[in-house]
């Protein structure tokens, strides 16, 4: 009688992937994180200009009133659903191209072309908005519970540039923000060396942000002293001494629809750090440096299936940020208006 020895199953079939608790994606359950999101470059919104942008799970318009203040409101006319971005700004109101219903800066319908009284329910949702760093921002929530960060120097002492990168990335903004608490990422992908080891114990946490300082070297040998952080789920902050010269940098991430990000870049330099041409040349250098760093991230983010996975000791801060994201407030007060 012959016997056949059993063959052990391949090791891979006996293993189970150990992963952390999932993080809610933007739009899960119809909710989005309560954060400041960039909507448009200020330069795109001229006087009497009306522009439309995808945002959250719908669409918004941006326009300026007679005093030059930018407003962000939902884009679809409550009459029959026309996209107001194909209308115009008329006598300090947004006028629908379809039937010429007009909406004031609060989102209230103030007149109809045929003279019928505007229905009380004919309203747009007006997002809380602010214009800062050459960008028009909107807060997803009825009342902003934190404010955009400032650089350590007054804005009127800075030369500031803002641009938007052409590509839309197939990840939520918070995925991009995870790069900042990811110490392995900073060292392995970007080739930055920390002078005194990973700064896990120096992280400054609030209910809406993290911030830390480190000194080190870029892979090309530039000496840097950085203060970097994340605000909410959509904004990377950086203030840096590069070879003894200060610059500020922001990477705000827009949310045109669930699972996608628009990438804006803001750079700032002190006006008193040289002649105007010298300051502009320095900003050119900073933009080139930061675009090269962001470019390394873009290649990864085009294909990643991001999820909390099997972490190591080097991921202490990243793991805590994951928990921050899991408990981060979510809402969608514009839900009935924006689609």
Protein backbone atom coordinates (compact mmCIF):
# COMPACT_ATOMS: atom_id res chain seq x y z
CA UNK A 1 0.00 0.00 0.00
CA UNK A 2 1.49 3.33 -1.05
CA UNK A 3 1.06 6.58 0.73
CA UNK A 4 1.38 10.08 -0.61
CA UNK A 5 2.85 12.74 1.59
CA UNK A 6 0.70 15.83 1.92
CA UNK A 7 2.12 18.93 0.35
CA UNK A 8 1.98 22.02 2.56
CA UNK A 9 -0.10 24.85 1.19
CA UNK A 10 1.90 27.80 -0.07
CA UNK A 11 2.71 30.18 2.72
CA UNK A 12 0.79 32.96 1.02
CA UNK A 13 -2.48 31.01 1.29
CA UNK A 14 -2.09 30.67 5.07
CA UNK A 15 -1.43 34.33 5.72
CA UNK A 16 -3.99 37.03 6.26
CA UNK A 17 -3.28 40.67 5.66
CA UNK A 18 -3.26 42.60 8.92
CA UNK A 19 -4.47 46.14 8.35
CA UNK A 20 -5.63 49.06 10.39
CA UNK A 21 -9.19 50.25 10.72
CA UNK A 22 -10.38 51.89 7.48
CA UNK A 23 -10.56 55.66 7.16
CA UNK A 24 -13.86 57.02 5.77
CA UNK A 25 -13.46 58.21 2.21
CA UNK A 26 -14.76 61.62 1.22
CA UNK A 27 -18.43 61.22 0.38
CA UNK A 28 -18.94 58.05 2.44
CA UNK A 29 -22.51 58.14 3.73
CA UNK A 30 -23.00 61.40 1.86
CA UNK A 31 -20.60 63.27 4.19
CA UNK A 32 -17.36 65.21 3.65
CA UNK A 33 -14.70 66.44 6.05
CA UNK A 34 -15.27 69.90 7.52
CA UNK A 35 -12.20 71.57 6.10
CA UNK A 36 -11.15 74.58 4.04
CA UNK A 37 -10.84 73.64 0.36
CA UNK A 38 -9.35 75.77 -2.44
CA UNK A 39 -11.91 76.50 -5.15
CA UNK A 40 -10.22 78.90 -7.57
CA UNK A 41 -7.23 81.12 -8.10
CA UNK A 42 -8.10 84.72 -7.28
CA UNK A 43 -6.71 85.77 -10.65
CA UNK A 44 -9.42 83.71 -12.37
CA UNK A 45 -12.25 85.70 -10.78
CA UNK A 46 -12.27 89.18 -12.25
CA UNK A 47 -14.82 91.94 -11.77
CA UNK A 48 -18.27 90.84 -13.03
CA UNK A 49 -16.75 87.40 -13.69
CA UNK A 50 -18.78 84.25 -13.00
CA UNK A 51 -17.04 80.86 -12.99
CA UNK A 52 -18.21 77.33 -12.22
CA UNK A 53 -16.25 74.55 -10.50
CA UNK A 54 -16.94 70.97 -9.48
CA UNK A 55 -16.84 70.62 -5.68
CA UNK A 56 -17.75 67.84 -3.23
CA UNK A 57 -20.46 65.84 -5.05
CA UNK A 58 -21.82 68.71 -7.12
CA UNK A 59 -20.99 72.11 -8.51
CA UNK A 60 -20.44 75.67 -7.25
CA UNK A 61 -20.08 79.14 -8.72
CA UNK A 62 -17.59 81.85 -7.74
CA UNK A 63 -18.18 85.54 -8.44
CA UNK A 64 -17.33 88.97 -7.04
CA UNK A 65 -19.79 91.52 -5.74
CA UNK A 66 -19.57 95.27 -6.44
CA UNK A 67 -17.05 95.71 -3.62
CA UNK A 68 -14.79 92.98 -5.01
CA UNK A 69 -15.57 90.31 -2.39
CA UNK A 70 -15.56 86.77 -3.77
CA UNK A 71 -18.52 84.50 -2.98
CA UNK A 72 -18.94 80.74 -3.36
CA UNK A 73 -22.47 79.37 -3.80
CA UNK A 74 -24.09 76.26 -5.23
CA UNK A 75 -24.40 76.37 -9.00
CA UNK A 76 -27.82 74.97 -9.89
CA UNK A 77 -30.82 77.26 -10.14
CA UNK A 78 -33.63 75.95 -7.90
CA UNK A 79 -36.19 76.84 -10.57
CA UNK A 80 -35.42 74.13 -13.15
CA UNK A 81 -31.78 73.28 -12.46
CA UNK A 82 -29.86 75.39 -14.97
CA UNK A 83 -26.14 75.78 -14.27
CA UNK A 84 -25.74 79.37 -13.13
CA UNK A 85 -22.12 79.45 -14.31
CA UNK A 86 -23.43 79.95 -17.86
CA UNK A 87 -25.34 83.01 -16.66
CA UNK A 88 -23.84 86.35 -15.72
CA UNK A 89 -23.37 88.91 -12.95
CA UNK A 90 -26.01 91.62 -13.35
CA UNK A 91 -26.50 94.57 -10.97
CA UNK A 92 -24.62 92.78 -8.18
CA UNK A 93 -26.67 89.59 -8.55
CA UNK A 94 -26.14 86.27 -10.31
CA UNK A 95 -28.59 86.00 -13.20
CA UNK A 96 -29.65 82.61 -14.53
CA UNK A 97 -29.30 82.33 -18.31
CA UNK A 98 -32.44 80.17 -18.62
CA UNK A 99 -35.23 82.32 -17.14
CA UNK A 100 -33.29 85.30 -15.71
CA UNK A 101 -34.04 84.58 -12.08
CA UNK A 102 -31.56 86.60 -9.99
CA UNK A 103 -29.76 85.70 -6.76
CA UNK A 104 -28.06 88.06 -4.34
CA UNK A 105 -24.83 87.51 -2.42
CA UNK A 106 -26.63 85.58 0.33
CA UNK A 107 -28.03 83.08 -2.19
CA UNK A 108 -31.60 84.42 -1.99
CA UNK A 109 -33.64 84.78 -5.17
CA UNK A 110 -34.56 88.48 -5.37
CA UNK A 111 -36.45 88.65 -8.67
CA UNK A 112 -37.86 86.74 -11.61
CA UNK A 113 -37.88 88.06 -15.16
CA UNK A 114 -41.65 87.67 -15.58
CA UNK A 115 -42.44 89.45 -12.33
CA UNK A 116 -43.72 86.51 -10.28
CA UNK A 117 -42.74 86.82 -6.60
CA UNK A 118 -39.65 84.67 -5.93
CA UNK A 119 -40.61 81.51 -4.00
CA UNK A 120 -39.28 81.50 -0.46
CA UNK A 121 -37.53 78.18 -1.16
CA UNK A 122 -35.67 79.61 -4.16
CA UNK A 123 -32.25 79.82 -2.52
CA UNK A 124 -28.68 78.78 -3.17
CA UNK A 125 -26.39 77.45 -0.45
CA UNK A 126 -23.72 80.04 0.32
CA UNK A 127 -20.46 78.54 1.54
CA UNK A 128 -18.39 80.35 4.13
CA UNK A 129 -15.49 81.62 2.06
CA UNK A 130 -12.28 83.60 2.35
CA UNK A 131 -9.72 84.94 -0.09
CA UNK A 132 -6.15 84.43 1.04
CA UNK A 133 -2.78 83.69 -0.60
CA UNK A 134 -4.20 84.33 -4.07
CA UNK A 135 -6.87 81.63 -3.67
CA UNK A 136 -10.62 81.64 -3.03
CA UNK A 137 -11.41 79.03 -0.36
CA UNK A 138 -14.68 77.48 0.82
CA UNK A 139 -15.35 75.74 4.12
CA UNK A 140 -17.49 72.60 4.09
CA UNK A 141 -19.66 73.37 7.08
CA UNK A 142 -22.13 75.97 8.27
CA UNK A 143 -19.54 77.61 10.55
CA UNK A 144 -15.74 77.29 10.16
CA UNK A 145 -14.30 75.94 13.38
CA UNK A 146 -10.69 76.74 12.47
CA UNK A 147 -9.00 79.39 10.38
CA UNK A 148 -6.41 79.18 7.62
CA UNK A 149 -2.84 79.40 8.95
CA UNK A 150 -0.64 82.45 8.50
CA UNK A 151 3.05 82.67 7.74
CA UNK A 152 5.32 84.13 10.45
CA UNK A 153 5.50 87.42 8.53
CA UNK A 154 2.59 89.76 7.64
CA UNK A 155 1.17 89.27 4.16
CA UNK A 156 1.99 92.86 3.19
CA UNK A 157 5.68 92.09 3.77
CA UNK A 158 5.61 89.11 1.41
CA UNK A 159 5.64 88.50 -2.31
CA UNK A 160 3.20 85.64 -2.90
CA UNK A 161 2.51 83.49 -5.94
CA UNK A 162 -0.26 80.93 -6.37
CA UNK A 163 -0.60 78.38 -9.18
CA UNK A 164 -2.64 75.26 -9.89
CA UNK A 165 -1.10 72.11 -11.31
CA UNK A 166 -2.80 70.82 -14.48
CA UNK A 167 -3.46 67.23 -13.44
CA UNK A 168 -6.25 65.98 -11.17
CA UNK A 169 -5.11 63.19 -8.87
CA UNK A 170 -7.31 60.10 -8.23
CA UNK A 171 -7.14 60.28 -4.42
CA UNK A 172 -8.92 62.22 -1.70
CA UNK A 173 -7.06 65.30 -0.37
CA UNK A 174 -6.48 63.66 3.01
CA UNK A 175 -4.44 60.93 1.29
CA UNK A 176 -2.01 63.60 0.08
CA UNK A 177 -1.92 65.12 3.57
CA UNK A 178 -0.80 61.75 4.97
CA UNK A 179 2.60 62.32 3.35
CA UNK A 180 3.49 64.90 6.00
CA UNK A 181 3.29 62.66 9.10
CA UNK A 182 4.81 59.81 7.06
CA UNK A 183 8.47 59.94 8.12
CA UNK A 184 9.41 56.96 5.96
CA UNK A 185 7.99 58.75 2.93
CA UNK A 186 9.98 61.94 3.59
CA UNK A 187 13.25 60.06 3.87
CA UNK A 188 12.80 57.29 1.31
CA UNK A 189 11.04 59.06 -1.57
CA UNK A 190 12.26 62.64 -1.15
CA UNK A 191 15.75 61.78 0.10
CA UNK A 192 15.64 64.18 3.05
CA UNK A 193 17.91 63.44 6.00
CA UNK A 194 16.81 64.40 9.53
CA UNK A 195 19.73 65.74 11.55
CA UNK A 196 18.51 64.42 14.91
CA UNK A 197 16.33 61.43 14.04
CA UNK A 198 12.59 61.11 13.48
CA UNK A 199 10.77 63.93 15.36
CA UNK A 200 7.83 61.82 16.60
CA UNK A 201 8.05 63.23 20.12
CA UNK A 202 8.09 66.84 18.92
CA UNK A 203 4.76 66.79 17.05
CA UNK A 204 2.38 69.59 18.09
CA UNK A 205 -1.22 68.35 17.82
CA UNK A 206 -4.47 70.31 17.92
CA UNK A 207 -8.02 69.24 17.15
CA UNK A 208 -7.50 70.32 13.52
CA UNK A 209 -3.75 70.21 12.85
CA UNK A 210 -0.31 68.77 13.40
CA UNK A 211 2.98 70.67 13.19
CA UNK A 212 6.65 69.89 13.72
CA UNK A 213 10.13 71.27 13.16
CA UNK A 214 13.17 69.56 11.74
CA UNK A 215 16.56 70.42 10.28
CA UNK A 216 18.21 68.35 7.61
CA UNK A 217 19.57 68.03 4.12
CA UNK A 218 17.88 67.64 0.75
CA UNK A 219 19.38 64.96 -1.45
CA UNK A 220 21.10 67.67 -3.50
CA UNK A 221 22.85 68.95 -0.38
CA UNK A 222 20.76 72.05 0.41
CA UNK A 223 20.66 72.76 4.14
CA UNK A 224 17.06 73.20 5.29
CA UNK A 225 15.35 74.13 8.51
CA UNK A 226 11.66 73.33 8.21
CA UNK A 227 8.46 73.91 10.09
CA UNK A 228 5.85 71.76 8.41
CA UNK A 229 2.36 70.59 9.14
CA UNK A 230 -1.15 69.71 8.03
CA UNK A 231 -4.31 71.70 8.66
CA UNK A 232 -7.58 69.80 8.52
CA UNK A 233 -7.68 67.28 5.71
CA UNK A 234 -6.70 69.48 2.78
CA UNK A 235 -3.76 71.79 3.47
CA UNK A 236 -0.01 71.23 3.74
CA UNK A 237 1.97 74.05 5.41
CA UNK A 238 5.69 74.75 5.29
CA UNK A 239 7.99 77.55 6.47
CA UNK A 240 11.62 76.96 5.55
CA UNK A 241 15.11 78.39 5.85
CA UNK A 242 16.88 77.29 2.66
CA UNK A 243 20.61 77.99 2.75
CA UNK A 244 19.87 80.81 5.20
CA UNK A 245 16.96 82.37 3.30
CA UNK A 246 13.28 82.12 4.36
CA UNK A 247 10.37 81.06 2.20
CA UNK A 248 6.81 79.92 2.85
CA UNK A 249 5.02 77.18 0.97
CA UNK A 250 1.47 75.82 0.96
CA UNK A 251 -0.03 72.92 -0.96
CA UNK A 252 -3.82 73.20 -0.70
CA UNK A 253 -5.84 70.33 -2.17
CA UNK A 254 -9.23 70.89 -3.76
CA UNK A 255 -12.01 68.29 -3.84
CA UNK A 256 -13.81 68.41 -7.21
CA UNK A 257 -15.55 65.09 -6.54
CA UNK A 258 -15.12 62.13 -4.19
CA UNK A 259 -11.82 60.35 -4.70
CA UNK A 260 -10.10 63.17 -6.58
CA UNK A 261 -7.86 66.14 -5.76
CA UNK A 262 -6.88 69.39 -7.41
CA UNK A 263 -3.38 70.53 -6.40
CA UNK A 264 -2.59 74.20 -5.80
CA UNK A 265 0.83 75.58 -4.83
CA UNK A 266 1.54 78.82 -2.96
CA UNK A 267 5.05 80.22 -2.44
CA UNK A 268 6.02 83.31 -0.46
CA UNK A 269 9.26 85.25 0.09
CA UNK A 270 10.10 88.34 2.12
CA UNK A 271 10.18 91.51 0.05
CA UNK A 272 13.08 92.89 2.06
CA UNK A 273 15.27 89.88 1.29
CA UNK A 274 16.62 91.50 -1.89
CA UNK A 275 15.73 93.61 -4.86
CA UNK A 276 12.42 92.86 -6.58
CA UNK A 277 14.16 90.88 -9.37
CA UNK A 278 16.17 88.96 -6.78
CA UNK A 279 13.01 88.05 -4.85
CA UNK A 280 11.30 86.91 -8.06
CA UNK A 281 14.33 84.82 -9.00
CA UNK A 282 14.31 83.22 -5.54
CA UNK A 283 10.61 82.38 -5.93
CA UNK A 284 11.39 80.79 -9.31
CA UNK A 285 13.95 78.61 -7.54
CA UNK A 286 11.51 77.69 -4.77
CA UNK A 287 8.75 76.80 -7.23
CA UNK A 288 11.15 74.57 -9.18
CA UNK A 289 12.25 72.87 -5.95
CA UNK A 290 8.71 72.30 -4.66
CA UNK A 291 7.38 71.19 -8.04
CA UNK A 292 10.13 68.57 -8.18
CA UNK A 293 9.13 67.31 -4.72
CA UNK A 294 5.41 67.32 -5.56
CA UNK A 295 6.21 65.62 -8.87
CA UNK A 296 7.67 62.67 -6.99
CA UNK A 297 4.37 62.34 -5.10
CA UNK A 298 2.22 62.74 -8.21
CA UNK A 299 3.74 59.69 -9.88
CA UNK A 300 2.82 57.56 -6.85
CA UNK A 301 -0.64 59.01 -6.32
CA UNK A 302 -1.70 58.25 -9.90
CA UNK A 303 -1.83 54.52 -9.14
CA UNK A 304 -1.90 54.02 -5.36
CA UNK A 305 -4.68 52.08 -3.56
CA UNK A 306 -4.16 53.89 -0.28
CA UNK A 307 -5.21 52.21 2.96
CA UNK A 308 -3.88 51.87 6.52
CA UNK A 309 -1.68 48.82 6.33
CA UNK A 310 1.02 47.01 8.27
CA UNK A 311 2.84 49.80 10.11
CA UNK A 312 6.23 49.85 11.82
CA UNK A 313 7.80 51.90 14.60
CA UNK A 314 8.76 54.56 12.06
CA UNK A 315 5.03 55.10 11.42
CA UNK A 316 4.15 56.33 14.92
CA UNK A 317 3.07 59.79 13.79
CA UNK A 318 1.37 58.49 10.67
CA UNK A 319 -0.65 56.04 12.77
CA UNK A 320 -1.80 58.83 15.04
CA UNK A 321 -2.80 60.91 12.02
CA UNK A 322 -4.88 57.98 10.79
CA UNK A 323 -6.76 58.10 14.09
CA UNK A 324 -7.12 61.87 13.70
CA UNK A 325 -8.76 61.28 10.32
CA UNK A 326 -11.09 58.57 11.60
CA UNK A 327 -12.56 60.91 14.20
CA UNK A 328 -12.46 64.10 12.11
CA UNK A 329 -15.86 65.91 11.89
CA UNK A 330 -17.86 65.34 8.72
CA UNK A 331 -20.94 67.05 7.33
CA UNK A 332 -22.64 68.11 4.11
CA UNK A 333 -24.90 71.11 4.74
CA UNK A 334 -25.07 71.89 0.99
CA UNK A 335 -26.33 68.41 0.07
CA UNK A 336 -29.85 69.48 -0.96
CA UNK A 337 -28.54 72.32 -3.14
CA UNK A 338 -25.28 71.26 -4.77
CA UNK A 339 -26.28 68.37 -7.06
